[in-house]
N, C-alpha and C. Protein backbone atom coordinates (compact mmCIF):
# COMPACT_ATOMS: atom_id res chain seq x y z
N UNK A 1 3.24 -3.20 31.53
CA UNK A 1 3.24 -3.47 30.12
C UNK A 1 4.54 -3.03 29.45
N UNK A 2 5.22 -2.03 30.00
CA UNK A 2 6.51 -1.59 29.44
C UNK A 2 7.63 -2.48 29.96
N UNK A 3 8.47 -2.95 29.04
CA UNK A 3 9.65 -3.73 29.40
C UNK A 3 10.86 -3.05 28.77
N UNK A 4 11.81 -2.68 29.61
CA UNK A 4 13.02 -2.03 29.11
C UNK A 4 13.80 -3.05 28.27
N UNK A 5 14.07 -2.68 27.02
CA UNK A 5 14.73 -3.59 26.09
C UNK A 5 15.63 -2.78 25.18
N UNK A 6 16.93 -3.05 25.24
CA UNK A 6 17.86 -2.36 24.36
C UNK A 6 19.00 -3.31 23.98
N UNK A 7 18.84 -3.99 22.83
CA UNK A 7 19.87 -4.93 22.41
C UNK A 7 21.07 -4.27 21.74
N UNK A 8 21.05 -2.94 21.60
CA UNK A 8 22.17 -2.24 20.97
C UNK A 8 23.44 -2.52 21.75
N UNK A 9 24.49 -3.02 21.09
CA UNK A 9 25.73 -3.39 21.79
C UNK A 9 26.38 -2.24 22.54
N UNK A 10 26.12 -1.00 22.12
CA UNK A 10 26.69 0.19 22.79
C UNK A 10 25.63 0.89 23.63
N UNK A 11 24.45 0.28 23.76
CA UNK A 11 23.33 0.81 24.54
C UNK A 11 22.85 2.17 24.04
N UNK A 12 23.06 2.46 22.77
CA UNK A 12 22.55 3.70 22.18
C UNK A 12 21.04 3.60 22.10
N UNK A 13 20.39 4.77 22.17
CA UNK A 13 18.93 4.79 22.22
C UNK A 13 18.30 5.67 21.15
N UNK A 14 19.11 6.20 20.23
CA UNK A 14 18.59 7.11 19.23
C UNK A 14 18.95 6.62 17.83
N UNK A 15 17.98 6.58 16.95
CA UNK A 15 18.24 6.29 15.55
C UNK A 15 18.15 4.84 15.15
N UNK A 16 18.06 3.92 16.10
CA UNK A 16 18.01 2.50 15.73
C UNK A 16 16.76 1.80 16.27
N UNK A 17 15.69 2.54 16.47
CA UNK A 17 14.48 1.93 17.04
C UNK A 17 13.94 0.82 16.15
N UNK A 18 14.07 0.96 14.84
CA UNK A 18 13.62 -0.09 13.92
C UNK A 18 14.39 -1.38 14.18
N UNK A 19 15.70 -1.25 14.33
CA UNK A 19 16.54 -2.43 14.55
C UNK A 19 16.18 -3.08 15.89
N UNK A 20 16.06 -2.26 16.93
CA UNK A 20 15.73 -2.80 18.26
C UNK A 20 14.38 -3.53 18.23
N UNK A 21 13.37 -2.92 17.62
CA UNK A 21 12.04 -3.53 17.58
C UNK A 21 12.06 -4.85 16.80
N UNK A 22 12.75 -4.86 15.68
CA UNK A 22 12.80 -6.08 14.87
C UNK A 22 13.59 -7.16 15.59
N UNK A 23 14.62 -6.78 16.35
CA UNK A 23 15.35 -7.77 17.17
C UNK A 23 14.38 -8.52 18.08
N UNK A 24 13.54 -7.77 18.78
CA UNK A 24 12.60 -8.40 19.71
C UNK A 24 11.56 -9.23 18.96
N UNK A 25 11.02 -8.69 17.90
CA UNK A 25 9.93 -9.36 17.18
C UNK A 25 10.40 -10.62 16.46
N UNK A 26 11.67 -10.68 16.09
CA UNK A 26 12.17 -11.84 15.35
C UNK A 26 13.14 -12.69 16.16
N UNK A 27 13.40 -12.28 17.39
CA UNK A 27 14.31 -13.00 18.28
C UNK A 27 15.70 -13.17 17.65
N UNK A 28 16.22 -12.06 17.12
CA UNK A 28 17.54 -12.03 16.52
C UNK A 28 18.39 -10.98 17.24
N UNK A 29 19.70 -11.08 17.07
CA UNK A 29 20.62 -10.12 17.65
C UNK A 29 20.68 -8.83 16.85
N UNK A 30 21.15 -7.76 17.51
CA UNK A 30 21.21 -6.44 16.90
C UNK A 30 22.10 -6.44 15.65
N UNK A 31 23.28 -7.03 15.73
CA UNK A 31 24.20 -7.04 14.58
C UNK A 31 23.59 -7.76 13.38
N UNK A 32 22.93 -8.88 13.62
CA UNK A 32 22.30 -9.63 12.53
C UNK A 32 21.19 -8.82 11.87
N UNK A 33 20.31 -8.24 12.68
CA UNK A 33 19.20 -7.47 12.11
C UNK A 33 19.73 -6.25 11.37
N UNK A 34 20.67 -5.54 11.96
CA UNK A 34 21.24 -4.36 11.32
C UNK A 34 21.82 -4.71 9.94
N UNK A 35 22.59 -5.78 9.89
CA UNK A 35 23.20 -6.20 8.63
C UNK A 35 22.14 -6.58 7.60
N UNK A 36 21.13 -7.32 8.02
CA UNK A 36 20.09 -7.77 7.10
C UNK A 36 19.25 -6.61 6.58
N UNK A 37 18.96 -5.64 7.44
CA UNK A 37 18.20 -4.46 7.01
C UNK A 37 19.04 -3.63 6.03
N UNK A 38 20.33 -3.51 6.29
CA UNK A 38 21.21 -2.78 5.35
C UNK A 38 21.25 -3.48 4.00
N UNK A 39 21.32 -4.80 4.00
CA UNK A 39 21.30 -5.55 2.74
C UNK A 39 19.97 -5.36 2.00
N UNK A 40 18.89 -5.33 2.74
CA UNK A 40 17.58 -5.10 2.12
C UNK A 40 17.56 -3.71 1.49
N UNK A 41 18.09 -2.73 2.19
CA UNK A 41 18.17 -1.38 1.63
C UNK A 41 19.03 -1.33 0.39
N UNK A 42 20.14 -2.06 0.39
CA UNK A 42 21.01 -2.12 -0.78
C UNK A 42 20.27 -2.69 -1.98
N UNK A 43 19.53 -3.78 -1.75
CA UNK A 43 18.76 -4.41 -2.83
C UNK A 43 17.71 -3.46 -3.41
N UNK A 44 17.14 -2.64 -2.54
CA UNK A 44 16.07 -1.73 -2.96
C UNK A 44 16.60 -0.35 -3.36
N UNK A 45 17.91 -0.15 -3.23
CA UNK A 45 18.53 1.16 -3.51
C UNK A 45 17.87 2.26 -2.68
N UNK A 46 17.70 1.96 -1.40
CA UNK A 46 17.06 2.89 -0.47
C UNK A 46 17.76 2.78 0.88
N UNK A 47 17.52 3.74 1.74
CA UNK A 47 18.15 3.76 3.06
C UNK A 47 17.53 2.70 3.97
N UNK A 48 18.33 2.09 4.85
CA UNK A 48 17.82 1.06 5.76
C UNK A 48 16.69 1.56 6.67
N UNK A 49 16.69 2.85 6.98
CA UNK A 49 15.66 3.39 7.87
C UNK A 49 14.35 3.67 7.16
N UNK A 50 14.32 3.52 5.84
CA UNK A 50 13.10 3.77 5.09
C UNK A 50 12.03 2.76 5.47
N UNK A 51 10.82 3.25 5.67
CA UNK A 51 9.71 2.36 6.03
C UNK A 51 9.54 1.24 5.01
N UNK A 52 9.75 1.54 3.73
CA UNK A 52 9.56 0.51 2.71
C UNK A 52 10.63 -0.58 2.83
N UNK A 53 11.83 -0.22 3.28
CA UNK A 53 12.91 -1.20 3.41
C UNK A 53 12.65 -2.14 4.58
N UNK A 54 12.45 -1.61 5.76
CA UNK A 54 12.26 -2.52 6.89
C UNK A 54 10.90 -3.19 6.82
N UNK A 55 9.92 -2.57 6.16
CA UNK A 55 8.64 -3.24 5.94
C UNK A 55 8.81 -4.45 5.03
N UNK A 56 9.59 -4.29 3.97
CA UNK A 56 9.86 -5.42 3.07
C UNK A 56 10.59 -6.53 3.81
N UNK A 57 11.50 -6.15 4.68
CA UNK A 57 12.22 -7.16 5.47
C UNK A 57 11.25 -7.93 6.36
N UNK A 58 10.37 -7.22 7.06
CA UNK A 58 9.40 -7.90 7.92
C UNK A 58 8.48 -8.80 7.10
N UNK A 59 8.04 -8.33 5.95
CA UNK A 59 7.19 -9.18 5.11
C UNK A 59 7.93 -10.45 4.69
N UNK A 60 9.23 -10.33 4.45
CA UNK A 60 10.01 -11.53 4.07
C UNK A 60 10.11 -12.51 5.23
N UNK A 61 9.86 -12.04 6.44
CA UNK A 61 9.88 -12.89 7.63
C UNK A 61 8.48 -13.36 8.04
N UNK A 62 7.49 -13.13 7.17
CA UNK A 62 6.15 -13.63 7.44
C UNK A 62 5.21 -12.66 8.13
N UNK A 63 5.59 -11.40 8.25
CA UNK A 63 4.73 -10.40 8.88
C UNK A 63 3.79 -9.78 7.84
N UNK A 64 2.61 -9.39 8.28
CA UNK A 64 1.63 -8.70 7.45
C UNK A 64 1.41 -7.30 8.00
N UNK A 65 1.28 -6.32 7.13
CA UNK A 65 1.07 -4.94 7.57
C UNK A 65 -0.42 -4.63 7.68
N UNK A 66 -0.78 -3.93 8.75
CA UNK A 66 -2.16 -3.54 9.01
C UNK A 66 -2.19 -2.06 9.37
N UNK A 67 -3.11 -1.31 8.79
CA UNK A 67 -3.29 0.09 9.14
C UNK A 67 -4.28 0.20 10.27
N UNK A 68 -3.98 1.03 11.25
CA UNK A 68 -4.89 1.23 12.38
C UNK A 68 -5.96 2.23 11.96
N UNK A 69 -7.25 1.90 12.16
CA UNK A 69 -8.32 2.82 11.77
C UNK A 69 -8.16 4.18 12.43
N UNK A 70 -8.50 5.20 11.71
CA UNK A 70 -8.34 6.58 12.16
C UNK A 70 -9.55 7.06 12.95
N UNK A 71 -10.08 6.21 13.84
CA UNK A 71 -11.27 6.59 14.60
C UNK A 71 -10.96 7.53 15.75
N UNK A 72 -9.76 7.47 16.25
CA UNK A 72 -9.35 8.37 17.34
C UNK A 72 -7.86 8.65 17.16
N UNK A 73 -7.50 9.48 16.20
CA UNK A 73 -6.09 9.63 15.80
C UNK A 73 -5.17 10.18 16.89
N UNK A 74 -5.72 10.82 17.91
CA UNK A 74 -4.88 11.40 18.95
C UNK A 74 -5.02 10.72 20.30
N UNK A 75 -5.80 9.64 20.37
CA UNK A 75 -6.02 9.05 21.69
C UNK A 75 -5.69 7.56 21.78
N UNK A 76 -5.49 6.87 20.68
CA UNK A 76 -5.18 5.45 20.72
C UNK A 76 -3.66 5.28 20.80
N UNK A 77 -3.18 4.83 21.95
CA UNK A 77 -1.75 4.79 22.24
C UNK A 77 -1.18 3.38 22.14
N UNK A 78 0.13 3.29 22.27
CA UNK A 78 0.80 2.00 22.35
C UNK A 78 0.23 1.22 23.54
N UNK A 79 0.01 1.88 24.67
CA UNK A 79 -0.60 1.22 25.83
C UNK A 79 -1.95 0.61 25.47
N UNK A 80 -2.78 1.37 24.75
CA UNK A 80 -4.10 0.86 24.34
C UNK A 80 -3.95 -0.34 23.41
N UNK A 81 -3.01 -0.25 22.48
CA UNK A 81 -2.78 -1.36 21.56
C UNK A 81 -2.44 -2.63 22.34
N UNK A 82 -1.58 -2.49 23.33
CA UNK A 82 -1.19 -3.66 24.15
C UNK A 82 -2.38 -4.28 24.86
N UNK A 83 -3.26 -3.44 25.38
CA UNK A 83 -4.47 -3.95 26.04
C UNK A 83 -5.36 -4.70 25.05
N UNK A 84 -5.43 -4.19 23.83
CA UNK A 84 -6.28 -4.81 22.81
C UNK A 84 -5.65 -6.04 22.16
N UNK A 85 -4.33 -6.22 22.35
CA UNK A 85 -3.60 -7.33 21.72
C UNK A 85 -2.75 -8.08 22.76
N UNK A 86 -3.43 -8.82 23.66
CA UNK A 86 -2.69 -9.49 24.74
C UNK A 86 -1.87 -10.69 24.29
N UNK A 87 -2.03 -11.10 23.05
CA UNK A 87 -1.25 -12.22 22.53
C UNK A 87 -0.74 -11.88 21.13
N UNK A 88 0.43 -12.38 20.82
CA UNK A 88 0.96 -12.20 19.48
C UNK A 88 2.21 -11.35 19.46
N UNK A 89 2.80 -11.26 18.27
CA UNK A 89 4.03 -10.51 18.05
C UNK A 89 3.73 -9.42 17.03
N UNK A 90 4.06 -8.17 17.38
CA UNK A 90 3.76 -7.02 16.55
C UNK A 90 4.94 -6.06 16.51
N UNK A 91 5.04 -5.31 15.42
CA UNK A 91 5.96 -4.20 15.31
C UNK A 91 5.10 -2.99 14.95
N UNK A 92 5.05 -2.00 15.85
CA UNK A 92 4.20 -0.83 15.67
C UNK A 92 5.01 0.33 15.10
N UNK A 93 4.44 1.04 14.14
CA UNK A 93 5.04 2.25 13.60
C UNK A 93 4.19 3.45 13.96
N UNK A 94 4.84 4.50 14.46
CA UNK A 94 4.11 5.70 14.85
C UNK A 94 4.29 6.83 13.84
N UNK A 95 5.13 6.63 12.87
CA UNK A 95 5.49 7.69 11.94
C UNK A 95 6.86 8.25 12.26
N UNK A 96 7.21 8.27 13.56
CA UNK A 96 8.54 8.76 13.98
C UNK A 96 9.27 7.77 14.86
N UNK A 97 8.61 6.68 15.23
CA UNK A 97 9.20 5.71 16.14
C UNK A 97 8.66 4.33 15.81
N UNK A 98 9.42 3.30 16.22
CA UNK A 98 9.00 1.91 16.01
C UNK A 98 9.22 1.16 17.32
N UNK A 99 8.26 0.34 17.70
CA UNK A 99 8.33 -0.39 18.96
C UNK A 99 7.78 -1.80 18.77
N UNK A 100 8.35 -2.76 19.49
CA UNK A 100 7.88 -4.14 19.44
C UNK A 100 6.87 -4.39 20.55
N UNK A 101 5.84 -5.16 20.23
CA UNK A 101 4.86 -5.62 21.21
C UNK A 101 4.80 -7.13 21.13
N UNK A 102 4.99 -7.78 22.28
CA UNK A 102 4.93 -9.23 22.35
C UNK A 102 4.03 -9.61 23.52
N UNK A 103 2.95 -10.31 23.21
CA UNK A 103 2.00 -10.80 24.22
C UNK A 103 1.56 -9.71 25.19
N UNK A 104 1.19 -8.55 24.65
CA UNK A 104 0.62 -7.47 25.46
C UNK A 104 1.62 -6.58 26.15
N UNK A 105 2.90 -6.83 26.01
CA UNK A 105 3.95 -5.98 26.58
C UNK A 105 4.69 -5.27 25.45
N UNK A 106 5.09 -4.02 25.68
CA UNK A 106 5.89 -3.34 24.67
C UNK A 106 7.33 -3.22 25.15
N UNK A 107 8.24 -3.47 24.22
CA UNK A 107 9.66 -3.57 24.50
C UNK A 107 10.36 -2.40 23.81
N UNK A 108 11.04 -1.58 24.60
CA UNK A 108 11.67 -0.40 24.04
C UNK A 108 12.78 0.07 24.98
N UNK A 109 13.63 0.94 24.48
CA UNK A 109 14.72 1.50 25.29
C UNK A 109 14.22 2.64 26.17
N UNK A 110 13.01 3.07 25.96
CA UNK A 110 12.37 4.11 26.78
C UNK A 110 10.86 3.87 26.77
N UNK A 111 10.17 4.46 27.71
CA UNK A 111 8.73 4.21 27.84
C UNK A 111 7.97 4.99 26.77
N UNK A 112 7.64 4.29 25.69
CA UNK A 112 6.95 4.90 24.56
C UNK A 112 5.45 4.60 24.57
N UNK A 113 4.91 4.28 25.72
CA UNK A 113 3.51 3.88 25.84
C UNK A 113 2.49 4.92 25.43
N UNK A 114 2.86 6.18 25.45
CA UNK A 114 1.92 7.24 25.07
C UNK A 114 2.05 7.64 23.60
N UNK A 115 2.94 6.99 22.85
CA UNK A 115 3.06 7.25 21.42
C UNK A 115 1.80 6.76 20.70
N UNK A 116 1.51 7.34 19.55
CA UNK A 116 0.30 7.01 18.79
C UNK A 116 0.67 6.14 17.58
N UNK A 117 0.35 4.85 17.61
CA UNK A 117 0.66 3.99 16.45
C UNK A 117 -0.26 4.30 15.27
N UNK A 118 0.30 4.22 14.07
CA UNK A 118 -0.44 4.48 12.85
C UNK A 118 -0.69 3.17 12.09
N UNK A 119 0.28 2.27 12.19
CA UNK A 119 0.18 0.97 11.52
C UNK A 119 0.99 -0.03 12.32
N UNK A 120 0.81 -1.30 12.00
CA UNK A 120 1.60 -2.34 12.65
C UNK A 120 1.79 -3.51 11.71
N UNK A 121 2.81 -4.29 12.03
CA UNK A 121 3.05 -5.56 11.35
C UNK A 121 2.76 -6.66 12.37
N UNK A 122 2.12 -7.71 11.93
CA UNK A 122 1.84 -8.85 12.82
C UNK A 122 2.30 -10.13 12.15
N UNK A 123 2.70 -11.06 12.99
CA UNK A 123 3.10 -12.36 12.47
C UNK A 123 2.12 -13.41 12.94
């Protein structure tokens, strides 16, 4: 279910997880997504890494935000989400990390399968 994915032109793995995840979910390049997220932040007078900024960007691309029920806050992982969502395009937020899920596989620069998602965007 884990697929190594890092579209960062310098192969950096820290601080740009939002950009990497949105690249996969929207099938765009890193430079394009980075620029568009920065422009969204400029319009909102907020930092590009702000959840409200990249969330607004995803909504402008047709994504809807969904909160994951708090029935098992410490045991429902990215791996579990993938098993429960074998089809579709999602961007999961854990509170400290963001990862893309496409058709039951998660795409990231490192194996984040044990992270606990709090919400997701779906298209």
